Amino acid sequence: MIVCVCKSVSDRKIRAAIADGADTFEQLQFELGVATCCGKCEESVRDVMAQCGVCESQCGVERRAPAQPVQVTFYERKAA
């Protein structure tokens, strides 16, 4: 999926850059140009970094716990 529309950077490109040794947000900005135009992709880029397990100690991104399923209850309506 495209993460940075301005520079046409996908999550695959970000993961490949991380695999090649980029371990800070600033390195990804320099190498790929992410979050250098409008900046709207910064959170998504940091999410991809967190999913890959990098940058946790250097920029404060913590790995999020998977979302817990929400219990939904359905009630029947009875005619009055």
PDB file of N, CA and C in Angstrom:
ATOM      1  N   MET A   1       0.841  -1.172   0.000  1.00  0.00           N
ATOM      2  CA  MET A   1       0.000   0.000   0.000  1.00  0.00           C
ATOM      3  C   MET A   1       0.887   1.236   0.000  1.00  0.00           C
ATOM      4  N   ILE A   2       0.410   2.291  -0.622  1.00  0.00           N
ATOM      5  CA  ILE A   2       1.155   3.547  -0.669  1.00  0.00           C
ATOM      6  C   ILE A   2       1.014   4.244   0.685  1.00  0.00           C
ATOM      7  N   VAL A   3       2.153   4.580   1.271  1.00  0.00           N
ATOM      8  CA  VAL A   3       2.168   5.270   2.558  1.00  0.00           C
ATOM      9  C   VAL A   3       2.354   6.766   2.344  1.00  0.00           C
ATOM     10  N   CYS A   4       3.299   7.118   1.480  1.00  0.00           N
ATOM     11  CA  CYS A   4       3.578   8.525   1.177  1.00  0.00           C
ATOM     12  C   CYS A   4       3.142   8.795  -0.258  1.00  0.00           C
ATOM     13  N   VAL A   5       2.039   9.501  -0.408  1.00  0.00           N
ATOM     14  CA  VAL A   5       1.493   9.797  -1.731  1.00  0.00           C
ATOM     15  C   VAL A   5       2.390  10.798  -2.459  1.00  0.00           C
ATOM     16  N   CYS A   6       2.907  11.775  -1.748  1.00  0.00           N
ATOM     17  CA  CYS A   6       3.722  12.820  -2.373  1.00  0.00           C
ATOM     18  C   CYS A   6       4.947  12.248  -3.082  1.00  0.00           C
ATOM     19  N   LYS A   7       5.580  11.257  -2.482  1.00  0.00           N
ATOM     20  CA  LYS A   7       6.802  10.674  -3.034  1.00  0.00           C
ATOM     21  C   LYS A   7       6.588   9.267  -3.586  1.00  0.00           C
ATOM     22  N   SER A   8       5.359   8.785  -3.588  1.00  0.00           N
ATOM     23  CA  SER A   8       5.008   7.438  -4.083  1.00  0.00           C
ATOM     24  C   SER A   8       5.846   6.344  -3.413  1.00  0.00           C
ATOM     25  N   VAL A   9       5.821   6.354  -2.082  1.00  0.00           N
ATOM     26  CA  VAL A   9       6.567   5.375  -1.304  1.00  0.00           C
ATOM     27  C   VAL A   9       5.588   4.401  -0.671  1.00  0.00           C
ATOM     28  N   SER A  10       5.822   3.118  -0.918  1.00  0.00           N
ATOM     29  CA  SER A  10       4.943   2.088  -0.373  1.00  0.00           C
ATOM     30  C   SER A  10       5.520   1.542   0.929  1.00  0.00           C
ATOM     31  N   ASP A  11       4.684   0.780   1.640  1.00  0.00           N
ATOM     32  CA  ASP A  11       5.173   0.136   2.859  1.00  0.00           C
ATOM     33  C   ASP A  11       6.266  -0.873   2.520  1.00  0.00           C
ATOM     34  N   ARG A  12       6.222  -1.469   1.341  1.00  0.00           N
ATOM     35  CA  ARG A  12       7.269  -2.418   0.924  1.00  0.00           C
ATOM     36  C   ARG A  12       8.615  -1.727   0.784  1.00  0.00           C
ATOM     37  N   LYS A  13       8.608  -0.508   0.213  1.00  0.00           N
ATOM     38  CA  LYS A  13       9.859   0.247   0.084  1.00  0.00           C
ATOM     39  C   LYS A  13      10.408   0.596   1.461  1.00  0.00           C
ATOM     40  N   ILE A  14       9.522   0.959   2.371  1.00  0.00           N
ATOM     41  CA  ILE A  14       9.960   1.296   3.732  1.00  0.00           C
ATOM     42  C   ILE A  14      10.549   0.064   4.401  1.00  0.00           C
ATOM     43  N   ARG A  15       9.876  -1.079   4.284  1.00  0.00           N
ATOM     44  CA  ARG A  15      10.386  -2.315   4.879  1.00  0.00           C
ATOM     45  C   ARG A  15      11.718  -2.719   4.262  1.00  0.00           C
ATOM     46  N   ALA A  16      11.879  -2.516   2.950  1.00  0.00           N
ATOM     47  CA  ALA A  16      13.144  -2.842   2.285  1.00  0.00           C
ATOM     48  C   ALA A  16      14.265  -1.932   2.787  1.00  0.00           C
ATOM     49  N   ALA A  17      13.965  -0.652   2.972  1.00  0.00           N
ATOM     50  CA  ALA A  17      14.972   0.276   3.494  1.00  0.00           C
ATOM     51  C   ALA A  17      15.371  -0.097   4.915  1.00  0.00           C
ATOM     52  N   ILE A  18      14.408  -0.533   5.706  1.00  0.00           N
ATOM     53  CA  ILE A  18      14.697  -0.969   7.077  1.00  0.00           C
ATOM     54  C   ILE A  18      15.562  -2.225   7.046  1.00  0.00           C
ATOM     55  N   ALA A  19      15.243  -3.148   6.141  1.00  0.00           N
ATOM     56  CA  ALA A  19      16.041  -4.368   6.006  1.00  0.00           C
ATOM     57  C   ALA A  19      17.468  -4.051   5.564  1.00  0.00           C
ATOM     58  N   ASP A  20      17.645  -2.947   4.815  1.00  0.00           N
ATOM     59  CA  ASP A  20      18.975  -2.536   4.359  1.00  0.00           C
ATOM     60  C   ASP A  20      19.729  -1.728   5.406  1.00  0.00           C
ATOM     61  N   GLY A  21      19.114  -1.501   6.570  1.00  0.00           N
ATOM     62  CA  GLY A  21      19.836  -0.873   7.669  1.00  0.00           C
ATOM     63  C   GLY A  21      19.304   0.454   8.168  1.00  0.00           C
ATOM     64  N   ALA A  22      18.297   1.016   7.532  1.00  0.00           N
ATOM     65  CA  ALA A  22      17.725   2.276   8.034  1.00  0.00           C
ATOM     66  C   ALA A  22      17.003   1.976   9.349  1.00  0.00           C
ATOM     67  N   ASP A  23      17.428   2.651  10.414  1.00  0.00           N
ATOM     68  CA  ASP A  23      16.806   2.360  11.703  1.00  0.00           C
ATOM     69  C   ASP A  23      16.317   3.604  12.432  1.00  0.00           C
ATOM     70  N   THR A  24      16.261   4.735  11.724  1.00  0.00           N
ATOM     71  CA  THR A  24      15.671   5.929  12.308  1.00  0.00           C
ATOM     72  C   THR A  24      14.732   6.572  11.290  1.00  0.00           C
ATOM     73  N   PHE A  25      13.822   7.345  11.790  1.00  0.00           N
ATOM     74  CA  PHE A  25      12.881   8.051  10.924  1.00  0.00           C
ATOM     75  C   PHE A  25      13.627   9.008   9.998  1.00  0.00           C
ATOM     76  N   GLU A  26      14.641   9.664  10.521  1.00  0.00           N
ATOM     77  CA  GLU A  26      15.410  10.622   9.738  1.00  0.00           C
ATOM     78  C   GLU A  26      16.126   9.945   8.576  1.00  0.00           C
ATOM     79  N   GLN A  27      16.609   8.726   8.781  1.00  0.00           N
ATOM     80  CA  GLN A  27      17.247   7.993   7.690  1.00  0.00           C
ATOM     81  C   GLN A  27      16.239   7.678   6.587  1.00  0.00           C
ATOM     82  N   LEU A  28      15.021   7.295   6.971  1.00  0.00           N
ATOM     83  CA  LEU A  28      13.990   7.032   5.977  1.00  0.00           C
ATOM     84  C   LEU A  28      13.612   8.311   5.233  1.00  0.00           C
ATOM     85  N   GLN A  29      13.574   9.419   5.935  1.00  0.00           N
ATOM     86  CA  GLN A  29      13.296  10.693   5.277  1.00  0.00           C
ATOM     87  C   GLN A  29      14.376  10.999   4.240  1.00  0.00           C
ATOM     88  N   PHE A  30      15.617  10.784   4.606  1.00  0.00           N
ATOM     89  CA  PHE A  30      16.730  11.078   3.704  1.00  0.00           C
ATOM     90  C   PHE A  30      16.738  10.135   2.505  1.00  0.00           C
ATOM     91  N   GLU A  31      16.574   8.844   2.758  1.00  0.00           N
ATOM     92  CA  GLU A  31      16.672   7.846   1.693  1.00  0.00           C
ATOM     93  C   GLU A  31      15.446   7.813   0.786  1.00  0.00           C
ATOM     94  N   LEU A  32      14.241   7.943   1.371  1.00  0.00           N
ATOM     95  CA  LEU A  32      13.014   7.779   0.597  1.00  0.00           C
ATOM     96  C   LEU A  32      12.240   9.074   0.378  1.00  0.00           C
ATOM     97  N   GLY A  33      12.541  10.092   1.159  1.00  0.00           N
ATOM     98  CA  GLY A  33      11.831  11.366   1.031  1.00  0.00           C
ATOM     99  C   GLY A  33      10.480  11.401   1.720  1.00  0.00           C
ATOM    100  N   VAL A  34      10.194  10.396   2.553  1.00  0.00           N
ATOM    101  CA  VAL A  34       8.896  10.357   3.226  1.00  0.00           C
ATOM    102  C   VAL A  34       8.769  11.525   4.193  1.00  0.00           C
ATOM    103  N   ALA A  35       7.555  12.043   4.324  1.00  0.00           N
ATOM    104  CA  ALA A  35       7.217  13.123   5.261  1.00  0.00           C
ATOM    105  C   ALA A  35       8.066  14.370   5.051  1.00  0.00           C
ATOM    106  N   THR A  36       8.478  14.631   3.809  1.00  0.00           N
ATOM    107  CA  THR A  36       9.236  15.850   3.527  1.00  0.00           C
ATOM    108  C   THR A  36       8.410  16.880   2.764  1.00  0.00           C
ATOM    109  N   CYS A  37       7.248  16.497   2.281  1.00  0.00           N
ATOM    110  CA  CYS A  37       6.394  17.463   1.561  1.00  0.00           C
ATOM    111  C   CYS A  37       5.278  17.938   2.485  1.00  0.00           C
ATOM    112  N   CYS A  38       4.186  17.192   2.529  1.00  0.00           N
ATOM    113  CA  CYS A  38       3.040  17.633   3.339  1.00  0.00           C
ATOM    114  C   CYS A  38       3.121  17.120   4.775  1.00  0.00           C
ATOM    115  N   GLY A  39       3.822  15.995   4.997  1.00  0.00           N
ATOM    116  CA  GLY A  39       3.998  15.467   6.346  1.00  0.00           C
ATOM    117  C   GLY A  39       2.871  14.609   6.866  1.00  0.00           C
ATOM    118  N   LYS A  40       1.823  14.405   6.075  1.00  0.00           N
ATOM    119  CA  LYS A  40       0.675  13.638   6.544  1.00  0.00           C
ATOM    120  C   LYS A  40       0.984  12.160   6.750  1.00  0.00           C
ATOM    121  N   CYS A  41       2.059  11.668   6.155  1.00  0.00           N
ATOM    122  CA  CYS A  41       2.375  10.240   6.235  1.00  0.00           C
ATOM    123  C   CYS A  41       3.260   9.883   7.423  1.00  0.00           C
ATOM    124  N   GLU A  42       3.700  10.861   8.184  1.00  0.00           N
ATOM    125  CA  GLU A  42       4.661  10.586   9.256  1.00  0.00           C
ATOM    126  C   GLU A  42       4.169   9.508  10.222  1.00  0.00           C
ATOM    127  N   GLU A  43       2.947   9.605  10.652  1.00  0.00           N
ATOM    128  CA  GLU A  43       2.417   8.620  11.606  1.00  0.00           C
ATOM    129  C   GLU A  43       2.383   7.221  10.992  1.00  0.00           C
ATOM    130  N   SER A  44       1.994   7.136   9.732  1.00  0.00           N
ATOM    131  CA  SER A  44       1.950   5.832   9.062  1.00  0.00           C
ATOM    132  C   SER A  44       3.347   5.247   8.890  1.00  0.00           C
ATOM    133  N   VAL A  45       4.318   6.090   8.562  1.00  0.00           N
ATOM    134  CA  VAL A  45       5.703   5.626   8.428  1.00  0.00           C
ATOM    135  C   VAL A  45       6.202   5.109   9.768  1.00  0.00           C
ATOM    136  N   ARG A  46       5.918   5.840  10.818  1.00  0.00           N
ATOM    137  CA  ARG A  46       6.348   5.402  12.161  1.00  0.00           C
ATOM    138  C   ARG A  46       5.643   4.106  12.567  1.00  0.00           C
ATOM    139  N   ASP A  47       4.394   3.928  12.130  1.00  0.00           N
ATOM    140  CA  ASP A  47       3.684   2.674  12.403  1.00  0.00           C
ATOM    141  C   ASP A  47       4.365   1.497  11.711  1.00  0.00           C
ATOM    142  N   VAL A  48       4.775   1.685  10.459  1.00  0.00           N
ATOM    143  CA  VAL A  48       5.485   0.621   9.736  1.00  0.00           C
ATOM    144  C   VAL A  48       6.798   0.312  10.432  1.00  0.00           C
ATOM    145  N   MET A  49       7.479   1.345  10.889  1.00  0.00           N
ATOM    146  CA  MET A  49       8.740   1.141  11.617  1.00  0.00           C
ATOM    147  C   MET A  49       8.499   0.341  12.886  1.00  0.00           C
ATOM    148  N   ALA A  50       7.453   0.676  13.609  1.00  0.00           N
ATOM    149  CA  ALA A  50       7.136  -0.039  14.840  1.00  0.00           C
ATOM    150  C   ALA A  50       6.775  -1.490  14.549  1.00  0.00           C
ATOM    151  N   GLN A  51       6.058  -1.730  13.452  1.00  0.00           N
ATOM    152  CA  GLN A  51       5.720  -3.104  13.073  1.00  0.00           C
ATOM    153  C   GLN A  51       6.973  -3.915  12.772  1.00  0.00           C
ATOM    154  N   CYS A  52       8.003  -3.242  12.257  1.00  0.00           N
ATOM    155  CA  CYS A  52       9.262  -3.915  11.936  1.00  0.00           C
ATOM    156  C   CYS A  52      10.174  -4.025  13.151  1.00  0.00           C
ATOM    157  N   GLY A  53       9.801  -3.377  14.254  1.00  0.00           N
ATOM    158  CA  GLY A  53      10.575  -3.481  15.485  1.00  0.00           C
ATOM    159  C   GLY A  53      11.760  -2.546  15.559  1.00  0.00           C
ATOM    160  N   VAL A  54      11.781  -1.491  14.738  1.00  0.00           N
ATOM    161  CA  VAL A  54      12.879  -0.530  14.803  1.00  0.00           C
ATOM    162  C   VAL A  54      12.398   0.768  15.407  1.00  0.00           C
ATOM    163  N   CYS A  55      13.339   1.533  15.870  1.00  0.00           N
ATOM    164  CA  CYS A  55      13.087   2.889  16.344  1.00  0.00           C
ATOM    165  C   CYS A  55      12.350   2.930  17.684  1.00  0.00           C
ATOM    166  N   GLU A  56      12.198   1.815  18.336  1.00  0.00           N
ATOM    167  CA  GLU A  56      11.475   1.843  19.610  1.00  0.00           C
ATOM    168  C   GLU A  56      12.237   2.641  20.663  1.00  0.00           C
ATOM    169  N   SER A  57      13.551   2.489  20.710  1.00  0.00           N
ATOM    170  CA  SER A  57      14.308   3.183  21.741  1.00  0.00           C
ATOM    171  C   SER A  57      14.774   4.558  21.279  1.00  0.00           C
ATOM    172  N   GLN A  58      14.913   4.764  19.969  1.00  0.00           N
ATOM    173  CA  GLN A  58      15.491   6.007  19.479  1.00  0.00           C
ATOM    174  C   GLN A  58      14.487   7.129  19.291  1.00  0.00           C
ATOM    175  N   CYS A  59      13.239   6.804  18.949  1.00  0.00           N
ATOM    176  CA  CYS A  59      12.293   7.900  18.709  1.00  0.00           C
ATOM    177  C   CYS A  59      11.004   7.760  19.504  1.00  0.00           C
ATOM    178  N   GLY A  60      10.972   6.834  20.433  1.00  0.00           N
ATOM    179  CA  GLY A  60       9.836   6.752  21.321  1.00  0.00           C
ATOM    180  C   GLY A  60       8.629   6.025  20.774  1.00  0.00           C
ATOM    181  N   VAL A  61       8.750   5.383  19.629  1.00  0.00           N
ATOM    182  CA  VAL A  61       7.623   4.641  19.080  1.00  0.00           C
ATOM    183  C   VAL A  61       7.553   3.302  19.792  1.00  0.00           C
ATOM    184  N   GLU A  62       6.422   3.014  20.349  1.00  0.00           N
ATOM    185  CA  GLU A  62       6.253   1.741  21.041  1.00  0.00           C
ATOM    186  C   GLU A  62       5.381   0.830  20.223  1.00  0.00           C
ATOM    187  N   ARG A  63       5.686  -0.441  20.287  1.00  0.00           N
ATOM    188  CA  ARG A  63       4.890  -1.424  19.565  1.00  0.00           C
ATOM    189  C   ARG A  63       3.531  -1.523  20.230  1.00  0.00           C
ATOM    190  N   ARG A  64       2.495  -1.400  19.440  1.00  0.00           N
ATOM    191  CA  ARG A  64       1.137  -1.449  19.979  1.00  0.00           C
ATOM    192  C   ARG A  64       0.683  -2.894  20.130  1.00  0.00           C
ATOM    193  N   ALA A  65      -0.090  -3.110  21.157  1.00  0.00           N
ATOM    194  CA  ALA A  65      -0.692  -4.436  21.341  1.00  0.00           C
ATOM    195  C   ALA A  65      -1.808  -4.603  20.325  1.00  0.00           C
ATOM    196  N   PRO A  66      -2.021  -5.807  19.839  1.00  0.00           N
ATOM    197  CA  PRO A  66      -3.122  -6.008  18.894  1.00  0.00           C
ATOM    198  C   PRO A  66      -4.454  -5.614  19.520  1.00  0.00           C
ATOM    199  N   ALA A  67      -5.313  -5.089  18.705  1.00  0.00           N
ATOM    200  CA  ALA A  67      -6.625  -4.646  19.186  1.00  0.00           C
ATOM    201  C   ALA A  67      -7.436  -5.851  19.662  1.00  0.00           C
ATOM    202  N   GLN A  68      -8.108  -5.662  20.763  1.00  0.00           N
ATOM    203  CA  GLN A  68      -8.950  -6.719  21.309  1.00  0.00           C
ATOM    204  C   GLN A  68     -10.294  -6.694  20.596  1.00  0.00           C
ATOM    205  N   PRO A  69     -10.864  -7.846  20.303  1.00  0.00           N
ATOM    206  CA  PRO A  69     -12.172  -7.852  19.650  1.00  0.00           C
ATOM    207  C   PRO A  69     -13.241  -7.247  20.565  1.00  0.00           C
ATOM    208  N   VAL A  70     -14.176  -6.589  19.954  1.00  0.00           N
ATOM    209  CA  VAL A  70     -15.251  -5.945  20.697  1.00  0.00           C
ATOM    210  C   VAL A  70     -16.448  -6.884  20.722  1.00  0.00           C
ATOM    211  N   GLN A  71     -16.996  -7.084  21.903  1.00  0.00           N
ATOM    212  CA  GLN A  71     -18.171  -7.928  22.050  1.00  0.00           C
ATOM    213  C   GLN A  71     -19.407  -7.128  21.651  1.00  0.00           C
ATOM    214  N   VAL A  72     -20.164  -7.641  20.709  1.00  0.00           N
ATOM    215  CA  VAL A  72     -21.362  -6.969  20.235  1.00  0.00           C
ATOM    216  C   VAL A  72     -22.569  -7.797  20.653  1.00  0.00           C
ATOM    217  N   THR A  73     -23.561  -7.130  21.215  1.00  0.00           N
ATOM    218  CA  THR A  73     -24.782  -7.802  21.633  1.00  0.00           C
ATOM    219  C   THR A  73     -25.947  -7.256  20.820  1.00  0.00           C
ATOM    220  N   PHE A  74     -26.734  -8.156  20.280  1.00  0.00           N
ATOM    221  CA  PHE A  74     -27.902  -7.764  19.510  1.00  0.00           C
ATOM    222  C   PHE A  74     -29.152  -8.020  20.350  1.00  0.00           C
ATOM    223  N   TYR A  75     -30.068  -7.086  20.314  1.00  0.00           N
ATOM    224  CA  TYR A  75     -31.318  -7.211  21.045  1.00  0.00           C
ATOM    225  C   TYR A  75     -32.460  -7.252  20.058  1.00  0.00           C
ATOM    226  N   GLU A  76     -33.447  -8.059  20.338  1.00  0.00           N
ATOM    227  CA  GLU A  76     -34.626  -8.128  19.489  1.00  0.00           C
ATOM    228  C   GLU A  76     -35.619  -7.075  19.950  1.00  0.00           C
ATOM    229  N   ARG A  77     -36.232  -6.445  18.976  1.00  0.00           N
ATOM    230  CA  ARG A  77     -37.301  -5.498  19.293  1.00  0.00           C
ATOM    231  C   ARG A  77     -38.622  -6.237  19.188  1.00  0.00           C
ATOM    232  N   LYS A  78     -39.447  -6.052  20.176  1.00  0.00           N
ATOM    233  CA  LYS A  78     -40.754  -6.701  20.169  1.00  0.00           C
ATOM    234  C   LYS A  78     -41.810  -5.652  19.880  1.00  0.00           C
ATOM    235  N   ALA A  79     -42.804  -6.046  19.108  1.00  0.00           N
ATOM    236  CA  ALA A  79     -43.875  -5.117  18.774  1.00  0.00           C
ATOM    237  C   ALA A  79     -44.655  -4.731  20.029  1.00  0.00           C
ATOM    238  N   ALA A  80     -45.077  -3.515  20.068  1.00  0.00           N
ATOM    239  CA  ALA A  80     -45.809  -3.021  21.237  1.00  0.00           C
ATOM    240  C   ALA A  80     -47.268  -3.388  21.175  1.00  0.00           C
TER     241      ALA A  80
END
